[in-house]
Structure formats: structure tokens, C-alpha cells
């Protein structure tokens, strides 16, 4: 899965990651040990998630987080 995050809102990116892994909010919450309500808030954009949360997902599902300089 590859997502260009600059093209989306942060809450959309979080939801794309979860859906790309074919997980429910509850399954993801349980796996990374946070509440389902936190997942809901991240996806609705009422609360911003941290980079630490992304790292938890990456570690739990063997994903790679890459930050690259944009091509101009």
C-alpha cells in the first residue's frame, strides 16, 4: 500500500491505512492497544493522531513509513 499523504487530510489518511489493511476500527484499536473511540475520533478528524500512533501501526502490520522530499 502506498499513500501520498500530501493529497489528503490527516483523518482521511488514517482511514485509508485501516481500510487498506482490511480492518475494522475495533480490530485496529485492539492490535495497537488504544480505544475504538480514539480510532473514531482520528477518522472523523475531531482529534489528531500522533506520529507514535502511526509507528505502532507500522510495527504491528509490518509497514514502512517513508518521508520524501517532493519533486518540483
PDB file of N, CA and C in Angstrom:
ATOM      1  N   UNK A   1       0.851  -1.164   0.000  1.00  0.00           N
ATOM      2  CA  UNK A   1       0.000   0.000   0.000  1.00  0.00           C
ATOM      3  C   UNK A   1       0.899   1.230   0.000  1.00  0.00           C
ATOM      4  N   UNK A   2       0.598   2.177  -0.869  1.00  0.00           N
ATOM      5  CA  UNK A   2       1.351   3.422  -0.914  1.00  0.00           C
ATOM      6  C   UNK A   2       0.359   4.568  -0.960  1.00  0.00           C
ATOM      7  N   UNK A   3       0.515   5.505  -0.046  1.00  0.00           N
ATOM      8  CA  UNK A   3      -0.382   6.654   0.041  1.00  0.00           C
ATOM      9  C   UNK A   3       0.458   7.925  -0.001  1.00  0.00           C
ATOM     10  N   UNK A   4       0.143   8.835  -0.898  1.00  0.00           N
ATOM     11  CA  UNK A   4       0.774  10.155  -0.916  1.00  0.00           C
ATOM     12  C   UNK A   4      -0.040  11.039   0.010  1.00  0.00           C
ATOM     13  N   UNK A   5       0.442  11.221   1.222  1.00  0.00           N
ATOM     14  CA  UNK A   5      -0.355  11.879   2.248  1.00  0.00           C
ATOM     15  C   UNK A   5      -0.606  13.357   1.973  1.00  0.00           C
ATOM     16  N   UNK A   6       0.209  13.988   1.176  1.00  0.00           N
ATOM     17  CA  UNK A   6       0.016  15.410   0.895  1.00  0.00           C
ATOM     18  C   UNK A   6      -1.295  15.663   0.156  1.00  0.00           C
ATOM     19  N   UNK A   7      -1.842  14.647  -0.473  1.00  0.00           N
ATOM     20  CA  UNK A   7      -3.055  14.789  -1.258  1.00  0.00           C
ATOM     21  C   UNK A   7      -4.334  14.663  -0.430  1.00  0.00           C
ATOM     22  N   UNK A   8      -4.202  14.382   0.874  1.00  0.00           N
ATOM     23  CA  UNK A   8      -5.373  14.089   1.703  1.00  0.00           C
ATOM     24  C   UNK A   8      -5.293  14.780   3.057  1.00  0.00           C
ATOM     25  N   UNK A   9      -6.432  14.879   3.717  1.00  0.00           N
ATOM     26  CA  UNK A   9      -6.480  15.353   5.094  1.00  0.00           C
ATOM     27  C   UNK A   9      -5.950  14.241   5.989  1.00  0.00           C
ATOM     28  N   UNK A  10      -5.432  14.602   7.157  1.00  0.00           N
ATOM     29  CA  UNK A  10      -4.843  13.590   8.041  1.00  0.00           C
ATOM     30  C   UNK A  10      -5.840  12.519   8.459  1.00  0.00           C
ATOM     31  N   UNK A  11      -7.102  12.921   8.689  1.00  0.00           N
ATOM     32  CA  UNK A  11      -8.084  11.909   9.087  1.00  0.00           C
ATOM     33  C   UNK A  11      -8.370  10.930   7.950  1.00  0.00           C
ATOM     34  N   UNK A  12      -8.313  11.399   6.706  1.00  0.00           N
ATOM     35  CA  UNK A  12      -8.527  10.513   5.561  1.00  0.00           C
ATOM     36  C   UNK A  12      -7.389   9.506   5.446  1.00  0.00           C
ATOM     37  N   UNK A  13      -6.170   9.958   5.695  1.00  0.00           N
ATOM     38  CA  UNK A  13      -5.004   9.067   5.614  1.00  0.00           C
ATOM     39  C   UNK A  13      -5.146   7.937   6.624  1.00  0.00           C
ATOM     40  N   UNK A  14      -5.538   8.273   7.834  1.00  0.00           N
ATOM     41  CA  UNK A  14      -5.689   7.251   8.866  1.00  0.00           C
ATOM     42  C   UNK A  14      -6.712   6.207   8.445  1.00  0.00           C
ATOM     43  N   UNK A  15      -7.829   6.662   7.917  1.00  0.00           N
ATOM     44  CA  UNK A  15      -8.882   5.740   7.484  1.00  0.00           C
ATOM     45  C   UNK A  15      -8.411   4.881   6.309  1.00  0.00           C
ATOM     46  N   UNK A  16      -7.672   5.480   5.356  1.00  0.00           N
ATOM     47  CA  UNK A  16      -7.130   4.717   4.217  1.00  0.00           C
ATOM     48  C   UNK A  16      -6.212   3.601   4.685  1.00  0.00           C
ATOM     49  N   UNK A  17      -5.387   3.905   5.678  1.00  0.00           N
ATOM     50  CA  UNK A  17      -4.469   2.884   6.202  1.00  0.00           C
ATOM     51  C   UNK A  17      -5.279   1.726   6.783  1.00  0.00           C
ATOM     52  N   UNK A  18      -6.249   2.046   7.627  1.00  0.00           N
ATOM     53  CA  UNK A  18      -7.061   0.992   8.255  1.00  0.00           C
ATOM     54  C   UNK A  18      -7.809   0.174   7.213  1.00  0.00           C
ATOM     55  N   UNK A  19      -8.431   0.849   6.275  1.00  0.00           N
ATOM     56  CA  UNK A  19      -9.185   0.141   5.243  1.00  0.00           C
ATOM     57  C   UNK A  19      -8.257  -0.666   4.334  1.00  0.00           C
ATOM     58  N   UNK A  20      -7.073  -0.141   4.063  1.00  0.00           N
ATOM     59  CA  UNK A  20      -6.106  -0.862   3.242  1.00  0.00           C
ATOM     60  C   UNK A  20      -5.642  -2.153   3.894  1.00  0.00           C
ATOM     61  N   UNK A  21      -5.702  -2.180   5.211  1.00  0.00           N
ATOM     62  CA  UNK A  21      -5.355  -3.389   5.959  1.00  0.00           C
ATOM     63  C   UNK A  21      -6.570  -4.296   6.171  1.00  0.00           C
ATOM     64  N   UNK A  22      -7.713  -3.885   5.651  1.00  0.00           N
ATOM     65  CA  UNK A  22      -8.973  -4.634   5.787  1.00  0.00           C
ATOM     66  C   UNK A  22      -9.333  -4.892   7.249  1.00  0.00           C
ATOM     67  N   UNK A  23      -9.244  -3.834   8.042  1.00  0.00           N
ATOM     68  CA  UNK A  23      -9.531  -3.945   9.469  1.00  0.00           C
ATOM     69  C   UNK A  23     -10.728  -3.090   9.843  1.00  0.00           C
ATOM     70  N   UNK A  24     -11.443  -3.543  10.852  1.00  0.00           N
ATOM     71  CA  UNK A  24     -12.463  -2.698  11.452  1.00  0.00           C
ATOM     72  C   UNK A  24     -11.765  -1.747  12.425  1.00  0.00           C
ATOM     73  N   UNK A  25     -12.477  -0.742  12.847  1.00  0.00           N
ATOM     74  CA  UNK A  25     -11.913   0.170  13.845  1.00  0.00           C
ATOM     75  C   UNK A  25     -11.572  -0.591  15.117  1.00  0.00           C
ATOM     76  N   UNK A  26     -12.434  -1.510  15.497  1.00  0.00           N
ATOM     77  CA  UNK A  26     -12.218  -2.287  16.719  1.00  0.00           C
ATOM     78  C   UNK A  26     -10.976  -3.183  16.605  1.00  0.00           C
ATOM     79  N   UNK A  27     -10.792  -3.824  15.462  1.00  0.00           N
ATOM     80  CA  UNK A  27      -9.622  -4.697  15.270  1.00  0.00           C
ATOM     81  C   UNK A  27      -8.323  -3.903  15.354  1.00  0.00           C
ATOM     82  N   UNK A  28      -8.287  -2.745  14.700  1.00  0.00           N
ATOM     83  CA  UNK A  28      -7.081  -1.924  14.746  1.00  0.00           C
ATOM     84  C   UNK A  28      -6.816  -1.423  16.159  1.00  0.00           C
ATOM     85  N   UNK A  29      -7.858  -0.960  16.820  1.00  0.00           N
ATOM     86  CA  UNK A  29      -7.710  -0.458  18.187  1.00  0.00           C
ATOM     87  C   UNK A  29      -7.131  -1.522  19.115  1.00  0.00           C
ATOM     88  N   UNK A  30      -7.664  -2.720  19.003  1.00  0.00           N
ATOM     89  CA  UNK A  30      -7.194  -3.815  19.856  1.00  0.00           C
ATOM     90  C   UNK A  30      -5.721  -4.140  19.572  1.00  0.00           C
ATOM     91  N   UNK A  31      -5.363  -4.168  18.291  1.00  0.00           N
ATOM     92  CA  UNK A  31      -3.998  -4.541  17.898  1.00  0.00           C
ATOM     93  C   UNK A  31      -2.958  -3.532  18.398  1.00  0.00           C
ATOM     94  N   UNK A  32      -3.289  -2.238  18.328  1.00  0.00           N
ATOM     95  CA  UNK A  32      -2.291  -1.232  18.740  1.00  0.00           C
ATOM     96  C   UNK A  32      -2.563  -0.698  20.152  1.00  0.00           C
ATOM     97  N   UNK A  33      -3.505  -1.351  20.831  1.00  0.00           N
ATOM     98  CA  UNK A  33      -3.785  -1.093  22.244  1.00  0.00           C
ATOM     99  C   UNK A  33      -4.216   0.351  22.527  1.00  0.00           C
ATOM    100  N   UNK A  34      -5.204   0.809  21.755  1.00  0.00           N
ATOM    101  CA  UNK A  34      -5.856   2.078  22.046  1.00  0.00           C
ATOM    102  C   UNK A  34      -7.360   1.838  21.964  1.00  0.00           C
ATOM    103  N   UNK A  35      -8.147   2.807  22.368  1.00  0.00           N
ATOM    104  CA  UNK A  35      -9.595   2.614  22.368  1.00  0.00           C
ATOM    105  C   UNK A  35     -10.182   2.770  20.968  1.00  0.00           C
ATOM    106  N   UNK A  36     -11.294   2.099  20.756  1.00  0.00           N
ATOM    107  CA  UNK A  36     -12.017   2.228  19.484  1.00  0.00           C
ATOM    108  C   UNK A  36     -12.475   3.666  19.305  1.00  0.00           C
ATOM    109  N   UNK A  37     -12.842   4.317  20.389  1.00  0.00           N
ATOM    110  CA  UNK A  37     -13.296   5.710  20.281  1.00  0.00           C
ATOM    111  C   UNK A  37     -12.166   6.621  19.808  1.00  0.00           C
ATOM    112  N   UNK A  38     -10.932   6.297  20.138  1.00  0.00           N
ATOM    113  CA  UNK A  38      -9.792   7.076  19.622  1.00  0.00           C
ATOM    114  C   UNK A  38      -9.700   6.928  18.108  1.00  0.00           C
ATOM    115  N   UNK A  39      -9.863   5.700  17.629  1.00  0.00           N
ATOM    116  CA  UNK A  39      -9.838   5.461  16.179  1.00  0.00           C
ATOM    117  C   UNK A  39     -10.938   6.273  15.505  1.00  0.00           C
ATOM    118  N   UNK A  40     -12.125   6.251  16.075  1.00  0.00           N
ATOM    119  CA  UNK A  40     -13.246   7.015  15.515  1.00  0.00           C
ATOM    120  C   UNK A  40     -12.915   8.502  15.440  1.00  0.00           C
ATOM    121  N   UNK A  41     -12.348   9.034  16.512  1.00  0.00           N
ATOM    122  CA  UNK A  41     -12.004  10.454  16.548  1.00  0.00           C
ATOM    123  C   UNK A  41     -10.937  10.801  15.515  1.00  0.00           C
ATOM    124  N   UNK A  42      -9.958   9.920  15.341  1.00  0.00           N
ATOM    125  CA  UNK A  42      -8.920  10.146  14.320  1.00  0.00           C
ATOM    126  C   UNK A  42      -9.546  10.177  12.930  1.00  0.00           C
ATOM    127  N   UNK A  43     -10.440   9.257  12.667  1.00  0.00           N
ATOM    128  CA  UNK A  43     -11.036   9.149  11.337  1.00  0.00           C
ATOM    129  C   UNK A  43     -12.043  10.266  11.044  1.00  0.00           C
ATOM    130  N   UNK A  44     -12.710  10.766  12.060  1.00  0.00           N
ATOM    131  CA  UNK A  44     -13.637  11.881  11.859  1.00  0.00           C
ATOM    132  C   UNK A  44     -12.918  13.228  11.884  1.00  0.00           C
ATOM    133  N   UNK A  45     -11.670  13.222  12.330  1.00  0.00           N
ATOM    134  CA  UNK A  45     -10.893  14.457  12.348  1.00  0.00           C
ATOM    135  C   UNK A  45     -11.152  15.341  13.554  1.00  0.00           C
ATOM    136  N   UNK A  46     -11.787  14.788  14.576  1.00  0.00           N
ATOM    137  CA  UNK A  46     -12.035  15.578  15.787  1.00  0.00           C
ATOM    138  C   UNK A  46     -10.815  15.622  16.690  1.00  0.00           C
ATOM    139  N   UNK A  47      -9.916  14.650  16.537  1.00  0.00           N
ATOM    140  CA  UNK A  47      -8.660  14.597  17.279  1.00  0.00           C
ATOM    141  C   UNK A  47      -7.578  14.168  16.297  1.00  0.00           C
ATOM    142  N   UNK A  48      -6.403  14.780  16.412  1.00  0.00           N
ATOM    143  CA  UNK A  48      -5.288  14.370  15.562  1.00  0.00           C
ATOM    144  C   UNK A  48      -4.495  13.254  16.227  1.00  0.00           C
ATOM    145  N   UNK A  49      -4.113  12.271  15.448  1.00  0.00           N
ATOM    146  CA  UNK A  49      -3.276  11.190  15.959  1.00  0.00           C
ATOM    147  C   UNK A  49      -1.825  11.644  15.940  1.00  0.00           C
ATOM    148  N   UNK A  50      -0.990  10.912  16.661  1.00  0.00           N
ATOM    149  CA  UNK A  50       0.426  11.267  16.746  1.00  0.00           C
ATOM    150  C   UNK A  50       1.247  10.396  15.800  1.00  0.00           C
ATOM    151  N   UNK A  51       2.452  10.827  15.568  1.00  0.00           N
ATOM    152  CA  UNK A  51       3.370  10.019  14.773  1.00  0.00           C
ATOM    153  C   UNK A  51       3.615   8.687  15.477  1.00  0.00           C
ATOM    154  N   UNK A  52       3.627   8.707  16.786  1.00  0.00           N
ATOM    155  CA  UNK A  52       3.797   7.475  17.570  1.00  0.00           C
ATOM    156  C   UNK A  52       2.695   6.457  17.232  1.00  0.00           C
ATOM    157  N   UNK A  53       1.489   6.926  17.025  1.00  0.00           N
ATOM    158  CA  UNK A  53       0.378   6.037  16.655  1.00  0.00           C
ATOM    159  C   UNK A  53       0.642   5.405  15.293  1.00  0.00           C
ATOM    160  N   UNK A  54       1.134   6.200  14.339  1.00  0.00           N
ATOM    161  CA  UNK A  54       1.477   5.645  13.026  1.00  0.00           C
ATOM    162  C   UNK A  54       2.582   4.601  13.140  1.00  0.00           C
ATOM    163  N   UNK A  55       3.550   4.844  13.982  1.00  0.00           N
ATOM    164  CA  UNK A  55       4.641   3.884  14.182  1.00  0.00           C
ATOM    165  C   UNK A  55       4.102   2.588  14.792  1.00  0.00           C
ATOM    166  N   UNK A  56       3.157   2.697  15.717  1.00  0.00           N
ATOM    167  CA  UNK A  56       2.544   1.491  16.301  1.00  0.00           C
ATOM    168  C   UNK A  56       1.881   0.652  15.205  1.00  0.00           C
ATOM    169  N   UNK A  57       1.162   1.315  14.309  1.00  0.00           N
ATOM    170  CA  UNK A  57       0.508   0.599  13.208  1.00  0.00           C
ATOM    171  C   UNK A  57       1.548  -0.028  12.299  1.00  0.00           C
ATOM    172  N   UNK A  58       2.573   0.739  11.960  1.00  0.00           N
ATOM    173  CA  UNK A  58       3.627   0.232  11.077  1.00  0.00           C
ATOM    174  C   UNK A  58       4.301  -0.998  11.684  1.00  0.00           C
ATOM    175  N   UNK A  59       4.598  -0.944  12.958  1.00  0.00           N
ATOM    176  CA  UNK A  59       5.241  -2.084  13.619  1.00  0.00           C
ATOM    177  C   UNK A  59       4.312  -3.286  13.719  1.00  0.00           C
ATOM    178  N   UNK A  60       3.054  -3.043  14.013  1.00  0.00           N
ATOM    179  CA  UNK A  60       2.096  -4.136  14.185  1.00  0.00           C
ATOM    180  C   UNK A  60       1.794  -4.857  12.875  1.00  0.00           C
ATOM    181  N   UNK A  61       1.864  -4.131  11.754  1.00  0.00           N
ATOM    182  CA  UNK A  61       1.464  -4.720  10.469  1.00  0.00           C
ATOM    183  C   UNK A  61       2.590  -4.754   9.444  1.00  0.00           C
ATOM    184  N   UNK A  62       3.817  -4.623   9.918  1.00  0.00           N
ATOM    185  CA  UNK A  62       5.000  -4.713   9.055  1.00  0.00           C
ATOM    186  C   UNK A  62       4.908  -3.745   7.867  1.00  0.00           C
ATOM    187  N   UNK A  63       4.612  -2.477   8.181  1.00  0.00           N
ATOM    188  CA  UNK A  63       4.536  -1.436   7.170  1.00  0.00           C
ATOM    189  C   UNK A  63       5.760  -0.531   7.273  1.00  0.00           C
ATOM    190  N   UNK A  64       6.032   0.178   6.224  1.00  0.00           N
ATOM    191  CA  UNK A  64       7.153   1.109   6.199  1.00  0.00           C
ATOM    192  C   UNK A  64       6.607   2.526   6.069  1.00  0.00           C
ATOM    193  N   UNK A  65       7.101   3.421   6.899  1.00  0.00           N
ATOM    194  CA  UNK A  65       6.754   4.839   6.801  1.00  0.00           C
ATOM    195  C   UNK A  65       7.927   5.532   6.122  1.00  0.00           C
ATOM    196  N   UNK A  66       7.635   6.232   5.043  1.00  0.00           N
ATOM    197  CA  UNK A  66       8.680   6.920   4.292  1.00  0.00           C
ATOM    198  C   UNK A  66       8.326   8.389   4.152  1.00  0.00           C
ATOM    199  N   UNK A  67       9.307   9.240   4.393  1.00  0.00           N
ATOM    200  CA  UNK A  67       9.132  10.671   4.189  1.00  0.00           C
ATOM    201  C   UNK A  67      10.139  11.091   3.129  1.00  0.00           C
ATOM    202  N   UNK A  68       9.629  11.665   2.048  1.00  0.00           N
ATOM    203  CA  UNK A  68      10.487  12.043   0.938  1.00  0.00           C
ATOM    204  C   UNK A  68      10.286  13.511   0.596  1.00  0.00           C
ATOM    205  N   UNK A  69      11.300  14.101   0.053  1.00  0.00           N
ATOM    206  CA  UNK A  69      11.188  15.457  -0.451  1.00  0.00           C
ATOM    207  C   UNK A  69      10.366  15.429  -1.736  1.00  0.00           C
ATOM    208  N   UNK A  70       9.467  16.392  -1.875  1.00  0.00           N
ATOM    209  CA  UNK A  70       8.637  16.454  -3.066  1.00  0.00           C
ATOM    210  C   UNK A  70       9.476  16.783  -4.292  1.00  0.00           C
ATOM    211  N   UNK A  71       9.105  16.185  -5.415  1.00  0.00           N
ATOM    212  CA  UNK A  71       9.686  16.569  -6.698  1.00  0.00           C
ATOM    213  C   UNK A  71       9.010  17.849  -7.143  1.00  0.00           C
ATOM    214  N   UNK A  72       9.793  18.752  -7.677  1.00  0.00           N
ATOM    215  CA  UNK A  72       9.191  20.021  -8.141  1.00  0.00           C
ATOM    216  C   UNK A  72       9.010  20.021  -9.620  1.00  0.00           C
TER     217      UNK A  72
END
